[in-house]
């Protein structure tokens, strides 16, 4: 067997502290901690975050992994109006929504958030400045399971269905900070989809064309004018948690499969603009989670593990990359 010196042309260096700028493949012995370490590639992975005060599903969310909000949601019984903010460690209560609602479009940040439509039922749009909620322009219809993305001044909503009827729709609307106007319709009607990105570089993933089991794996990208087919999600899923900064950087996690009354899954997939790769898995199968963040630092909160078990847990996503890893403990 070849030695490290024969492979790398050097011996393992002994250091008192970890190097500040290691190269990929470097290995060193930290004499202070007494462990052997290396710098190497690691797939994306999930870790536990702080618990929210409310166990709920289908929450609206926005912001970053260390500065996020989650609003509303469903629980047993009914919809809730509470809002919580996350600082990367713990959740704190914030100003409640005017009324309970769930399962609509979302976007923005803590000082400039936006939510619209959803089960209330409501077509109202609410804007968040970090301390209060104010009314914006009304969404075209009182749809729930609306796919949403973007910012307070450039948001996109698509699909969904009207409570009381199972039919999905292909409606697309764009928000400019005050009013919603019609955008290019989806290639096909759907609900229970999710997605992320921007108004001019967004992606929609999965969902159902009508009722379960009409679950699809379709993924489409939106450039602000047209929808184009992207590489399908690895499996037919609905109510996936999806977050990411644009259509070339998307993470999908959890959700429900195509089988009626199927259990939630823990699988996580990452899209790079061309294809999906399966990486770390959630701690357990989850669906109807609140979600926000980027491909390198994401956050999911709440959801349903197995009906009727609502959760208050949070999980934090760290994207793939080169990291320092402990190789031995002595």
C-alpha atoms as a PDB file:
ATOM      1  CA  UNK A   1       0.000   0.000   0.000  1.00  0.00           C
ATOM      2  CA  UNK A   2       1.301   3.443  -0.935  1.00  0.00           C
ATOM      3  CA  UNK A   3       2.126   5.784   1.936  1.00  0.00           C
ATOM      4  CA  UNK A   4       0.819   9.325   2.294  1.00  0.00           C
ATOM      5  CA  UNK A   5       4.302  10.638   1.494  1.00  0.00           C
ATOM      6  CA  UNK A   6       4.444   8.590  -1.709  1.00  0.00           C
ATOM      7  CA  UNK A   7       1.041   9.897  -2.809  1.00  0.00           C
ATOM      8  CA  UNK A   8       1.388  13.538  -1.764  1.00  0.00           C
ATOM      9  CA  UNK A   9       5.163  13.903  -1.822  1.00  0.00           C
ATOM     10  CA  UNK A  10       5.208  15.033   1.795  1.00  0.00           C
ATOM     11  CA  UNK A  11       4.753  13.788   5.334  1.00  0.00           C
ATOM     12  CA  UNK A  12       1.761  14.560   7.570  1.00  0.00           C
ATOM     13  CA  UNK A  13       2.558  17.859   9.229  1.00  0.00           C
ATOM     14  CA  UNK A  14       2.099  18.386  12.965  1.00  0.00           C
ATOM     15  CA  UNK A  15       0.551  21.762  13.803  1.00  0.00           C
ATOM     16  CA  UNK A  16      -0.715  23.467  16.969  1.00  0.00           C
ATOM     17  CA  UNK A  17      -3.813  24.823  15.203  1.00  0.00           C
ATOM     18  CA  UNK A  18      -5.701  24.029  12.007  1.00  0.00           C
ATOM     19  CA  UNK A  19      -4.404  25.816   8.889  1.00  0.00           C
ATOM     20  CA  UNK A  20      -6.473  28.825   7.787  1.00  0.00           C
ATOM     21  CA  UNK A  21      -6.274  28.089   4.068  1.00  0.00           C
ATOM     22  CA  UNK A  22      -5.819  24.333   3.489  1.00  0.00           C
ATOM     23  CA  UNK A  23      -5.818  22.739   0.043  1.00  0.00           C
ATOM     24  CA  UNK A  24      -8.051  19.872  -1.039  1.00  0.00           C
ATOM     25  CA  UNK A  25      -6.465  16.590   0.090  1.00  0.00           C
ATOM     26  CA  UNK A  26      -4.270  18.158   2.782  1.00  0.00           C
ATOM     27  CA  UNK A  27      -3.925  16.144   5.992  1.00  0.00           C
ATOM     28  CA  UNK A  28      -2.416  17.338   9.272  1.00  0.00           C
ATOM     29  CA  UNK A  29      -2.113  16.315  12.905  1.00  0.00           C
ATOM     30  CA  UNK A  30      -3.406  18.904  15.404  1.00  0.00           C
ATOM     31  CA  UNK A  31      -1.214  18.434  18.455  1.00  0.00           C
ATOM     32  CA  UNK A  32      -3.387  20.722  20.598  1.00  0.00           C
ATOM     33  CA  UNK A  33      -6.548  18.648  20.165  1.00  0.00           C
ATOM     34  CA  UNK A  34      -4.746  15.373  19.505  1.00  0.00           C
ATOM     35  CA  UNK A  35      -6.625  14.537  16.312  1.00  0.00           C
ATOM     36  CA  UNK A  36      -5.744  13.847  12.688  1.00  0.00           C
ATOM     37  CA  UNK A  37      -7.648  16.106  10.268  1.00  0.00           C
ATOM     38  CA  UNK A  38      -8.045  16.554   6.538  1.00  0.00           C
ATOM     39  CA  UNK A  39      -9.564  18.972   4.044  1.00  0.00           C
ATOM     40  CA  UNK A  40     -11.874  17.217   1.605  1.00  0.00           C
ATOM     41  CA  UNK A  41     -15.172  17.352  -0.294  1.00  0.00           C
ATOM     42  CA  UNK A  42     -18.399  16.624   1.564  1.00  0.00           C
ATOM     43  CA  UNK A  43     -21.947  16.310   0.222  1.00  0.00           C
ATOM     44  CA  UNK A  44     -24.627  18.619   1.530  1.00  0.00           C
ATOM     45  CA  UNK A  45     -26.106  17.588   4.873  1.00  0.00           C
ATOM     46  CA  UNK A  46     -28.834  18.457   7.375  1.00  0.00           C
ATOM     47  CA  UNK A  47     -28.432  19.282  11.062  1.00  0.00           C
ATOM     48  CA  UNK A  48     -30.929  20.084  13.800  1.00  0.00           C
ATOM     49  CA  UNK A  49     -31.993  23.672  14.423  1.00  0.00           C
ATOM     50  CA  UNK A  50     -34.051  25.231  17.200  1.00  0.00           C
ATOM     51  CA  UNK A  51     -37.683  24.267  17.761  1.00  0.00           C
ATOM     52  CA  UNK A  52     -40.412  26.800  17.022  1.00  0.00           C
ATOM     53  CA  UNK A  53     -43.088  27.454  19.638  1.00  0.00           C
ATOM     54  CA  UNK A  54     -45.849  26.113  17.378  1.00  0.00           C
ATOM     55  CA  UNK A  55     -46.214  22.716  15.761  1.00  0.00           C
ATOM     56  CA  UNK A  56     -47.677  23.497  12.347  1.00  0.00           C
ATOM     57  CA  UNK A  57     -47.515  22.687   8.647  1.00  0.00           C
ATOM     58  CA  UNK A  58     -47.849  24.633   5.383  1.00  0.00           C
ATOM     59  CA  UNK A  59     -46.284  27.794   6.812  1.00  0.00           C
ATOM     60  CA  UNK A  60     -45.252  30.823   4.789  1.00  0.00           C
ATOM     61  CA  UNK A  61     -41.538  31.552   5.024  1.00  0.00           C
ATOM     62  CA  UNK A  62     -38.776  33.878   3.913  1.00  0.00           C
ATOM     63  CA  UNK A  63     -35.317  35.156   4.696  1.00  0.00           C
ATOM     64  CA  UNK A  64     -32.042  33.367   5.298  1.00  0.00           C
ATOM     65  CA  UNK A  65     -30.883  30.500   7.487  1.00  0.00           C
ATOM     66  CA  UNK A  66     -29.808  32.941  10.190  1.00  0.00           C
ATOM     67  CA  UNK A  67     -32.512  35.592   9.741  1.00  0.00           C
ATOM     68  CA  UNK A  68     -35.814  33.976   8.768  1.00  0.00           C
ATOM     69  CA  UNK A  69     -39.529  34.286   9.364  1.00  0.00           C
ATOM     70  CA  UNK A  70     -42.265  31.656   9.366  1.00  0.00           C
ATOM     71  CA  UNK A  71     -45.888  32.789   9.367  1.00  0.00           C
ATOM     72  CA  UNK A  72     -49.301  31.198   9.750  1.00  0.00           C
ATOM     73  CA  UNK A  73     -49.798  27.517   8.986  1.00  0.00           C
ATOM     74  CA  UNK A  74     -52.196  24.707   9.733  1.00  0.00           C
ATOM     75  CA  UNK A  75     -52.500  22.671  12.886  1.00  0.00           C
ATOM     76  CA  UNK A  76     -55.176  20.755  14.756  1.00  0.00           C
ATOM     77  CA  UNK A  77     -57.604  22.415  14.801  1.00  0.00           C
ATOM     78  CA  UNK A  78     -57.564  24.956  11.978  1.00  0.00           C
ATOM     79  CA  UNK A  79     -55.240  27.650  10.701  1.00  0.00           C
ATOM     80  CA  UNK A  80     -52.986  29.787  12.886  1.00  0.00           C
ATOM     81  CA  UNK A  81     -51.885  33.430  12.635  1.00  0.00           C
ATOM     82  CA  UNK A  82     -48.703  33.387  14.684  1.00  0.00           C
ATOM     83  CA  UNK A  83     -45.387  34.563  13.238  1.00  0.00           C
ATOM     84  CA  UNK A  84     -41.927  33.606  14.451  1.00  0.00           C
ATOM     85  CA  UNK A  85     -38.422  34.767  13.532  1.00  0.00           C
ATOM     86  CA  UNK A  86     -35.238  32.674  13.564  1.00  0.00           C
ATOM     87  CA  UNK A  87     -31.727  33.973  14.294  1.00  0.00           C
ATOM     88  CA  UNK A  88     -29.863  30.803  13.381  1.00  0.00           C
ATOM     89  CA  UNK A  89     -30.240  29.350  16.869  1.00  0.00           C
ATOM     90  CA  UNK A  90     -33.676  29.998  18.298  1.00  0.00           C
ATOM     91  CA  UNK A  91     -37.163  31.224  17.380  1.00  0.00           C
ATOM     92  CA  UNK A  92     -38.895  34.238  18.899  1.00  0.00           C
ATOM     93  CA  UNK A  93     -42.480  35.418  18.550  1.00  0.00           C
ATOM     94  CA  UNK A  94     -43.154  38.328  16.187  1.00  0.00           C
ATOM     95  CA  UNK A  95     -46.256  40.273  15.124  1.00  0.00           C
ATOM     96  CA  UNK A  96     -49.133  37.955  14.239  1.00  0.00           C
ATOM     97  CA  UNK A  97     -50.876  37.905  10.877  1.00  0.00           C
ATOM     98  CA  UNK A  98     -54.287  39.642  10.824  1.00  0.00           C
ATOM     99  CA  UNK A  99     -55.938  36.198  10.668  1.00  0.00           C
ATOM    100  CA  UNK A 100     -55.070  32.531  10.403  1.00  0.00           C
ATOM    101  CA  UNK A 101     -54.011  31.264   6.972  1.00  0.00           C
ATOM    102  CA  UNK A 102     -51.816  28.629   5.342  1.00  0.00           C
ATOM    103  CA  UNK A 103     -50.470  27.148   2.111  1.00  0.00           C
ATOM    104  CA  UNK A 104     -49.969  30.204  -0.109  1.00  0.00           C
ATOM    105  CA  UNK A 105     -47.162  32.031  -1.892  1.00  0.00           C
ATOM    106  CA  UNK A 106     -44.183  33.546  -0.094  1.00  0.00           C
ATOM    107  CA  UNK A 107     -40.927  35.382  -0.558  1.00  0.00           C
ATOM    108  CA  UNK A 108     -38.614  38.121   0.599  1.00  0.00           C
ATOM    109  CA  UNK A 109     -36.683  38.652   3.812  1.00  0.00           C
ATOM    110  CA  UNK A 110     -37.361  39.533   7.452  1.00  0.00           C
ATOM    111  CA  UNK A 111     -37.269  43.312   6.837  1.00  0.00           C
ATOM    112  CA  UNK A 112     -39.018  42.957   3.466  1.00  0.00           C
ATOM    113  CA  UNK A 113     -41.198  39.847   3.392  1.00  0.00           C
ATOM    114  CA  UNK A 114     -44.308  39.029   1.399  1.00  0.00           C
ATOM    115  CA  UNK A 115     -47.048  36.378   1.537  1.00  0.00           C
ATOM    116  CA  UNK A 116     -50.154  36.001  -0.602  1.00  0.00           C
ATOM    117  CA  UNK A 117     -53.239  33.860  -1.180  1.00  0.00           C
ATOM    118  CA  UNK A 118     -53.707  30.547   0.628  1.00  0.00           C
ATOM    119  CA  UNK A 119     -56.312  28.724   2.656  1.00  0.00           C
ATOM    120  CA  UNK A 120     -58.266  31.235   4.689  1.00  0.00           C
ATOM    121  CA  UNK A 121     -59.569  31.365   2.111  1.00  0.00           C
ATOM    122  CA  UNK A 122     -57.977  34.589   0.960  1.00  0.00           C
ATOM    123  CA  UNK A 123     -56.601  36.418  -2.061  1.00  0.00           C
ATOM    124  CA  UNK A 124     -54.944  39.109   0.071  1.00  0.00           C
ATOM    125  CA  UNK A 125     -51.275  40.010  -0.089  1.00  0.00           C
ATOM    126  CA  UNK A 126     -49.428  41.010   3.073  1.00  0.00           C
ATOM    127  CA  UNK A 127     -46.061  42.736   3.249  1.00  0.00           C
ATOM    128  CA  UNK A 128     -43.754  42.452   6.280  1.00  0.00           C
ATOM    129  CA  UNK A 129     -41.247  45.084   7.399  1.00  0.00           C
ATOM    130  CA  UNK A 130     -39.874  43.079  10.304  1.00  0.00           C
ATOM    131  CA  UNK A 131     -42.334  44.497  12.824  1.00  0.00           C
ATOM    132  CA  UNK A 132     -45.762  44.837  11.174  1.00  0.00           C
ATOM    133  CA  UNK A 133     -47.884  43.488   8.320  1.00  0.00           C
ATOM    134  CA  UNK A 134     -49.537  45.793   5.778  1.00  0.00           C
ATOM    135  CA  UNK A 135     -51.852  45.067   2.867  1.00  0.00           C
ATOM    136  CA  UNK A 136     -50.535  44.918  -0.695  1.00  0.00           C
ATOM    137  CA  UNK A 137     -52.358  44.366  -3.963  1.00  0.00           C
ATOM    138  CA  UNK A 138     -54.758  41.422  -4.039  1.00  0.00           C
ATOM    139  CA  UNK A 139     -53.743  38.181  -5.789  1.00  0.00           C
ATOM    140  CA  UNK A 140     -55.941  37.316  -8.801  1.00  0.00           C
ATOM    141  CA  UNK A 141     -57.892  34.640  -6.902  1.00  0.00           C
ATOM    142  CA  UNK A 142     -58.274  32.935  -3.525  1.00  0.00           C
ATOM    143  CA  UNK A 143     -56.079  29.973  -4.417  1.00  0.00           C
ATOM    144  CA  UNK A 144     -54.276  27.669  -2.022  1.00  0.00           C
ATOM    145  CA  UNK A 145     -51.258  25.449  -2.719  1.00  0.00           C
ATOM    146  CA  UNK A 146     -49.894  28.349  -4.769  1.00  0.00           C
ATOM    147  CA  UNK A 147     -46.250  28.089  -5.782  1.00  0.00           C
ATOM    148  CA  UNK A 148     -44.429  31.298  -4.909  1.00  0.00           C
ATOM    149  CA  UNK A 149     -40.999  32.914  -5.040  1.00  0.00           C
ATOM    150  CA  UNK A 150     -39.199  36.237  -5.297  1.00  0.00           C
ATOM    151  CA  UNK A 151     -39.079  39.434  -3.300  1.00  0.00           C
ATOM    152  CA  UNK A 152     -41.466  42.032  -1.938  1.00  0.00           C
ATOM    153  CA  UNK A 153     -41.125  44.055  -5.160  1.00  0.00           C
ATOM    154  CA  UNK A 154     -40.655  41.219  -7.679  1.00  0.00           C
ATOM    155  CA  UNK A 155     -42.659  38.117  -6.749  1.00  0.00           C
ATOM    156  CA  UNK A 156     -44.125  35.275  -8.797  1.00  0.00           C
ATOM    157  CA  UNK A 157     -47.137  33.080  -8.021  1.00  0.00           C
ATOM    158  CA  UNK A 158     -48.291  30.088 -10.049  1.00  0.00           C
ATOM    159  CA  UNK A 159     -50.834  27.279 -10.054  1.00  0.00           C
ATOM    160  CA  UNK A 160     -52.878  26.209  -7.045  1.00  0.00           C
ATOM    161  CA  UNK A 161     -56.550  25.472  -6.619  1.00  0.00           C
ATOM    162  CA  UNK A 162     -59.672  27.075  -5.262  1.00  0.00           C
ATOM    163  CA  UNK A 163     -60.871  25.605  -1.920  1.00  0.00           C
ATOM    164  CA  UNK A 164     -64.019  23.593  -2.478  1.00  0.00           C
ATOM    165  CA  UNK A 165     -62.881  22.174  -5.794  1.00  0.00           C
ATOM    166  CA  UNK A 166     -60.077  19.746  -6.685  1.00  0.00           C
ATOM    167  CA  UNK A 167     -59.158  21.218 -10.078  1.00  0.00           C
ATOM    168  CA  UNK A 168     -55.673  22.672 -10.438  1.00  0.00           C
ATOM    169  CA  UNK A 169     -55.023  25.733 -12.606  1.00  0.00           C
ATOM    170  CA  UNK A 170     -52.194  27.136 -14.726  1.00  0.00           C
ATOM    171  CA  UNK A 171     -52.500  30.756 -13.561  1.00  0.00           C
ATOM    172  CA  UNK A 172     -49.280  32.770 -13.276  1.00  0.00           C
ATOM    173  CA  UNK A 173     -49.099  36.262 -11.780  1.00  0.00           C
ATOM    174  CA  UNK A 174     -46.224  38.688 -11.223  1.00  0.00           C
ATOM    175  CA  UNK A 175     -46.020  41.308  -8.457  1.00  0.00           C
ATOM    176  CA  UNK A 176     -44.193  44.627  -8.777  1.00  0.00           C
ATOM    177  CA  UNK A 177     -44.564  45.837  -5.212  1.00  0.00           C
ATOM    178  CA  UNK A 178     -48.101  47.134  -5.581  1.00  0.00           C
ATOM    179  CA  UNK A 179     -50.121  45.126  -8.124  1.00  0.00           C
ATOM    180  CA  UNK A 180     -50.325  41.649  -9.612  1.00  0.00           C
ATOM    181  CA  UNK A 181     -50.412  41.247 -13.408  1.00  0.00           C
ATOM    182  CA  UNK A 182     -50.809  38.139 -15.548  1.00  0.00           C
ATOM    183  CA  UNK A 183     -47.649  36.259 -16.500  1.00  0.00           C
ATOM    184  CA  UNK A 184     -47.114  33.436 -18.959  1.00  0.00           C
ATOM    185  CA  UNK A 185     -49.301  30.486 -17.978  1.00  0.00           C
ATOM    186  CA  UNK A 186     -47.735  27.254 -16.769  1.00  0.00           C
ATOM    187  CA  UNK A 187     -47.249  24.514 -19.397  1.00  0.00           C
ATOM    188  CA  UNK A 188     -49.926  22.538 -17.538  1.00  0.00           C
ATOM    189  CA  UNK A 189     -52.265  23.081 -14.602  1.00  0.00           C
ATOM    190  CA  UNK A 190     -50.917  21.968 -11.248  1.00  0.00           C
ATOM    191  CA  UNK A 191     -51.159  22.392  -7.493  1.00  0.00           C
ATOM    192  CA  UNK A 192     -49.113  21.251  -4.472  1.00  0.00           C
ATOM    193  CA  UNK A 193     -45.959  22.301  -6.369  1.00  0.00           C
ATOM    194  CA  UNK A 194     -43.088  24.254  -4.919  1.00  0.00           C
ATOM    195  CA  UNK A 195     -40.098  26.134  -6.202  1.00  0.00           C
ATOM    196  CA  UNK A 196     -37.658  28.938  -5.651  1.00  0.00           C
ATOM    197  CA  UNK A 197     -35.449  31.492  -7.333  1.00  0.00           C
ATOM    198  CA  UNK A 198     -36.273  34.912  -8.716  1.00  0.00           C
ATOM    199  CA  UNK A 199     -38.989  36.359 -10.916  1.00  0.00           C
ATOM    200  CA  UNK A 200     -36.651  36.104 -13.909  1.00  0.00           C
ATOM    201  CA  UNK A 201     -34.753  32.933 -12.932  1.00  0.00           C
ATOM    202  CA  UNK A 202     -37.201  30.704 -11.095  1.00  0.00           C
ATOM    203  CA  UNK A 203     -38.059  27.023 -11.014  1.00  0.00           C
ATOM    204  CA  UNK A 204     -41.241  25.074 -10.249  1.00  0.00           C
ATOM    205  CA  UNK A 205     -40.971  21.445  -9.113  1.00  0.00           C
ATOM    206  CA  UNK A 206     -43.414  18.550  -8.796  1.00  0.00           C
ATOM    207  CA  UNK A 207     -47.002  18.787  -7.629  1.00  0.00           C
ATOM    208  CA  UNK A 208     -50.250  17.228  -8.779  1.00  0.00           C
ATOM    209  CA  UNK A 209     -52.301  17.809 -11.915  1.00  0.00           C
ATOM    210  CA  UNK A 210     -55.556  17.174 -10.073  1.00  0.00           C
ATOM    211  CA  UNK A 211     -55.855  14.842  -7.122  1.00  0.00           C
ATOM    212  CA  UNK A 212     -53.325  12.393  -5.723  1.00  0.00           C
ATOM    213  CA  UNK A 213     -52.212  10.019  -7.285  1.00  0.00           C
ATOM    214  CA  UNK A 214     -51.733  12.357 -10.270  1.00  0.00           C
ATOM    215  CA  UNK A 215     -48.352  13.320  -8.830  1.00  0.00           C
ATOM    216  CA  UNK A 216     -45.673  14.524 -11.247  1.00  0.00           C
ATOM    217  CA  UNK A 217     -41.903  14.922 -11.343  1.00  0.00           C
ATOM    218  CA  UNK A 218     -41.953  17.782 -13.872  1.00  0.00           C
ATOM    219  CA  UNK A 219     -39.623  20.729 -13.344  1.00  0.00           C
ATOM    220  CA  UNK A 220     -39.750  23.942 -15.361  1.00  0.00           C
ATOM    221  CA  UNK A 221     -37.617  27.069 -15.374  1.00  0.00           C
ATOM    222  CA  UNK A 222     -39.018  30.597 -15.839  1.00  0.00           C
ATOM    223  CA  UNK A 223     -36.974  33.455 -17.303  1.00  0.00           C
ATOM    224  CA  UNK A 224     -39.548  36.155 -16.748  1.00  0.00           C
ATOM    225  CA  UNK A 225     -41.216  35.502 -20.088  1.00  0.00           C
ATOM    226  CA  UNK A 226     -41.351  31.780 -20.901  1.00  0.00           C
ATOM    227  CA  UNK A 227     -41.351  28.399 -19.195  1.00  0.00           C
ATOM    228  CA  UNK A 228     -38.903  25.731 -20.403  1.00  0.00           C
ATOM    229  CA  UNK A 229     -38.651  22.097 -19.358  1.00  0.00           C
ATOM    230  CA  UNK A 230     -35.795  21.266 -16.996  1.00  0.00           C
ATOM    231  CA  UNK A 231     -34.453  17.895 -15.893  1.00  0.00           C
ATOM    232  CA  UNK A 232     -37.330  16.195 -13.999  1.00  0.00           C
ATOM    233  CA  UNK A 233     -37.126  15.743 -10.250  1.00  0.00           C
ATOM    234  CA  UNK A 234     -35.765  12.244  -9.454  1.00  0.00           C
ATOM    235  CA  UNK A 235     -39.218  11.037  -8.379  1.00  0.00           C
ATOM    236  CA  UNK A 236     -42.834  12.156  -8.581  1.00  0.00           C
ATOM    237  CA  UNK A 237     -43.390  14.299  -5.486  1.00  0.00           C
ATOM    238  CA  UNK A 238     -45.846  16.819  -4.110  1.00  0.00           C
ATOM    239  CA  UNK A 239     -45.491  19.295  -1.254  1.00  0.00           C
ATOM    240  CA  UNK A 240     -41.685  19.227  -1.455  1.00  0.00           C
ATOM    241  CA  UNK A 241     -39.690  21.799   0.493  1.00  0.00           C
ATOM    242  CA  UNK A 242     -37.785  23.816  -2.132  1.00  0.00           C
ATOM    243  CA  UNK A 243     -35.311  26.682  -1.672  1.00  0.00           C
ATOM    244  CA  UNK A 244     -32.449  28.261  -3.591  1.00  0.00           C
ATOM    245  CA  UNK A 245     -31.228  31.528  -5.041  1.00  0.00           C
ATOM    246  CA  UNK A 246     -31.995  30.930  -8.743  1.00  0.00           C
ATOM    247  CA  UNK A 247     -32.916  28.249 -11.277  1.00  0.00           C
ATOM    248  CA  UNK A 248     -29.315  26.962 -11.351  1.00  0.00           C
ATOM    249  CA  UNK A 249     -29.118  26.500  -7.570  1.00  0.00           C
ATOM    250  CA  UNK A 250     -32.095  24.636  -6.090  1.00  0.00           C
ATOM    251  CA  UNK A 251     -32.561  22.167  -3.229  1.00  0.00           C
ATOM    252  CA  UNK A 252     -35.643  19.946  -2.882  1.00  0.00           C
ATOM    253  CA  UNK A 253     -36.363  17.898   0.251  1.00  0.00           C
ATOM    254  CA  UNK A 254     -39.061  15.637   1.640  1.00  0.00           C
ATOM    255  CA  UNK A 255     -42.581  15.607   0.263  1.00  0.00           C
ATOM    256  CA  UNK A 256     -45.105  12.911  -0.570  1.00  0.00           C
ATOM    257  CA  UNK A 257     -44.914  10.292  -3.302  1.00  0.00           C
ATOM    258  CA  UNK A 258     -47.327   9.188  -5.987  1.00  0.00           C
ATOM    259  CA  UNK A 259     -49.056   6.477  -3.972  1.00  0.00           C
ATOM    260  CA  UNK A 260     -52.294   7.571  -2.264  1.00  0.00           C
ATOM    261  CA  UNK A 261     -51.747   8.078   1.461  1.00  0.00           C
ATOM    262  CA  UNK A 262     -48.003   7.525   1.006  1.00  0.00           C
ATOM    263  CA  UNK A 263     -45.656   8.340   3.857  1.00  0.00           C
ATOM    264  CA  UNK A 264     -43.478  11.431   3.741  1.00  0.00           C
ATOM    265  CA  UNK A 265     -39.929  10.920   2.462  1.00  0.00           C
ATOM    266  CA  UNK A 266     -36.585  12.227   3.733  1.00  0.00           C
ATOM    267  CA  UNK A 267     -34.760  12.301   0.391  1.00  0.00           C
ATOM    268  CA  UNK A 268     -32.938  15.505  -0.590  1.00  0.00           C
ATOM    269  CA  UNK A 269     -31.924  16.447  -4.153  1.00  0.00           C
ATOM    270  CA  UNK A 270     -29.793  19.314  -5.452  1.00  0.00           C
ATOM    271  CA  UNK A 271     -30.123  20.931  -8.907  1.00  0.00           C
ATOM    272  CA  UNK A 272     -27.134  22.613 -10.578  1.00  0.00           C
ATOM    273  CA  UNK A 273     -28.883  23.999 -13.639  1.00  0.00           C
ATOM    274  CA  UNK A 274     -28.531  20.750 -15.575  1.00  0.00           C
ATOM    275  CA  UNK A 275     -29.242  17.727 -13.378  1.00  0.00           C
ATOM    276  CA  UNK A 276     -30.355  16.597  -9.931  1.00  0.00           C
ATOM    277  CA  UNK A 277     -28.107  14.725  -7.489  1.00  0.00           C
ATOM    278  CA  UNK A 278     -29.238  13.003  -4.314  1.00  0.00           C
ATOM    279  CA  UNK A 279     -27.309  14.193  -1.256  1.00  0.00           C
ATOM    280  CA  UNK A 280     -28.022  14.293   2.491  1.00  0.00           C
ATOM    281  CA  UNK A 281     -31.383  13.184   3.887  1.00  0.00           C
ATOM    282  CA  UNK A 282     -33.691  14.850   6.399  1.00  0.00           C
ATOM    283  CA  UNK A 283     -33.641  13.369   9.889  1.00  0.00           C
ATOM    284  CA  UNK A 284     -36.989  11.759   9.053  1.00  0.00           C
ATOM    285  CA  UNK A 285     -39.647  11.899   6.372  1.00  0.00           C
ATOM    286  CA  UNK A 286     -41.407  15.295   6.325  1.00  0.00           C
ATOM    287  CA  UNK A 287     -43.921  17.074   4.114  1.00  0.00           C
ATOM    288  CA  UNK A 288     -45.693  20.469   4.029  1.00  0.00           C
ATOM    289  CA  UNK A 289     -42.620  22.154   5.547  1.00  0.00           C
ATOM    290  CA  UNK A 290     -41.930  25.875   5.648  1.00  0.00           C
ATOM    291  CA  UNK A 291     -38.742  26.586   3.691  1.00  0.00           C
ATOM    292  CA  UNK A 292     -36.258  29.335   2.842  1.00  0.00           C
ATOM    293  CA  UNK A 293     -32.572  29.900   2.136  1.00  0.00           C
ATOM    294  CA  UNK A 294     -29.950  29.125  -0.483  1.00  0.00           C
ATOM    295  CA  UNK A 295     -28.301  26.033  -1.929  1.00  0.00           C
ATOM    296  CA  UNK A 296     -25.436  26.503   0.539  1.00  0.00           C
ATOM    297  CA  UNK A 297     -27.458  27.477   3.644  1.00  0.00           C
ATOM    298  CA  UNK A 298     -31.114  26.465   3.805  1.00  0.00           C
ATOM    299  CA  UNK A 299     -33.799  26.072   6.458  1.00  0.00           C
ATOM    300  CA  UNK A 300     -36.970  23.994   6.777  1.00  0.00           C
ATOM    301  CA  UNK A 301     -39.384  24.266   9.667  1.00  0.00           C
ATOM    302  CA  UNK A 302     -42.495  22.462  10.865  1.00  0.00           C
ATOM    303  CA  UNK A 303     -44.486  20.189   8.611  1.00  0.00           C
ATOM    304  CA  UNK A 304     -46.063  16.788   8.994  1.00  0.00           C
ATOM    305  CA  UNK A 305     -44.135  13.613   9.726  1.00  0.00           C
ATOM    306  CA  UNK A 306     -47.060  11.188   9.524  1.00  0.00           C
ATOM    307  CA  UNK A 307     -50.622  12.483   9.672  1.00  0.00           C
ATOM    308  CA  UNK A 308     -51.837  13.765  12.032  1.00  0.00           C
ATOM    309  CA  UNK A 309     -48.454  14.464  13.658  1.00  0.00           C
ATOM    310  CA  UNK A 310     -47.493  18.128  13.184  1.00  0.00           C
ATOM    311  CA  UNK A 311     -43.941  19.109  14.074  1.00  0.00           C
ATOM    312  CA  UNK A 312     -42.228  22.192  15.514  1.00  0.00           C
ATOM    313  CA  UNK A 313     -38.709  21.103  14.590  1.00  0.00           C
ATOM    314  CA  UNK A 314     -36.281  22.931  12.319  1.00  0.00           C
ATOM    315  CA  UNK A 315     -33.504  21.514  10.175  1.00  0.00           C
ATOM    316  CA  UNK A 316     -30.605  23.448   8.677  1.00  0.00           C
ATOM    317  CA  UNK A 317     -29.011  22.594   5.343  1.00  0.00           C
ATOM    318  CA  UNK A 318     -25.298  23.047   4.679  1.00  0.00           C
ATOM    319  CA  UNK A 319     -24.476  22.712   0.992  1.00  0.00           C
ATOM    320  CA  UNK A 320     -21.762  20.570  -0.532  1.00  0.00           C
ATOM    321  CA  UNK A 321     -18.203  21.827  -0.441  1.00  0.00           C
ATOM    322  CA  UNK A 322     -14.674  21.307   0.814  1.00  0.00           C
ATOM    323  CA  UNK A 323     -14.520  21.217   4.599  1.00  0.00           C
ATOM    324  CA  UNK A 324     -12.145  20.310   7.410  1.00  0.00           C
ATOM    325  CA  UNK A 325     -12.988  16.858   8.740  1.00  0.00           C
ATOM    326  CA  UNK A 326     -11.708  14.887  11.705  1.00  0.00           C
ATOM    327  CA  UNK A 327     -10.117  11.636  10.485  1.00  0.00           C
ATOM    328  CA  UNK A 328      -9.153  10.132  13.854  1.00  0.00           C
ATOM    329  CA  UNK A 329      -9.861  11.072  17.454  1.00  0.00           C
ATOM    330  CA  UNK A 330      -6.489  10.043  18.846  1.00  0.00           C
END
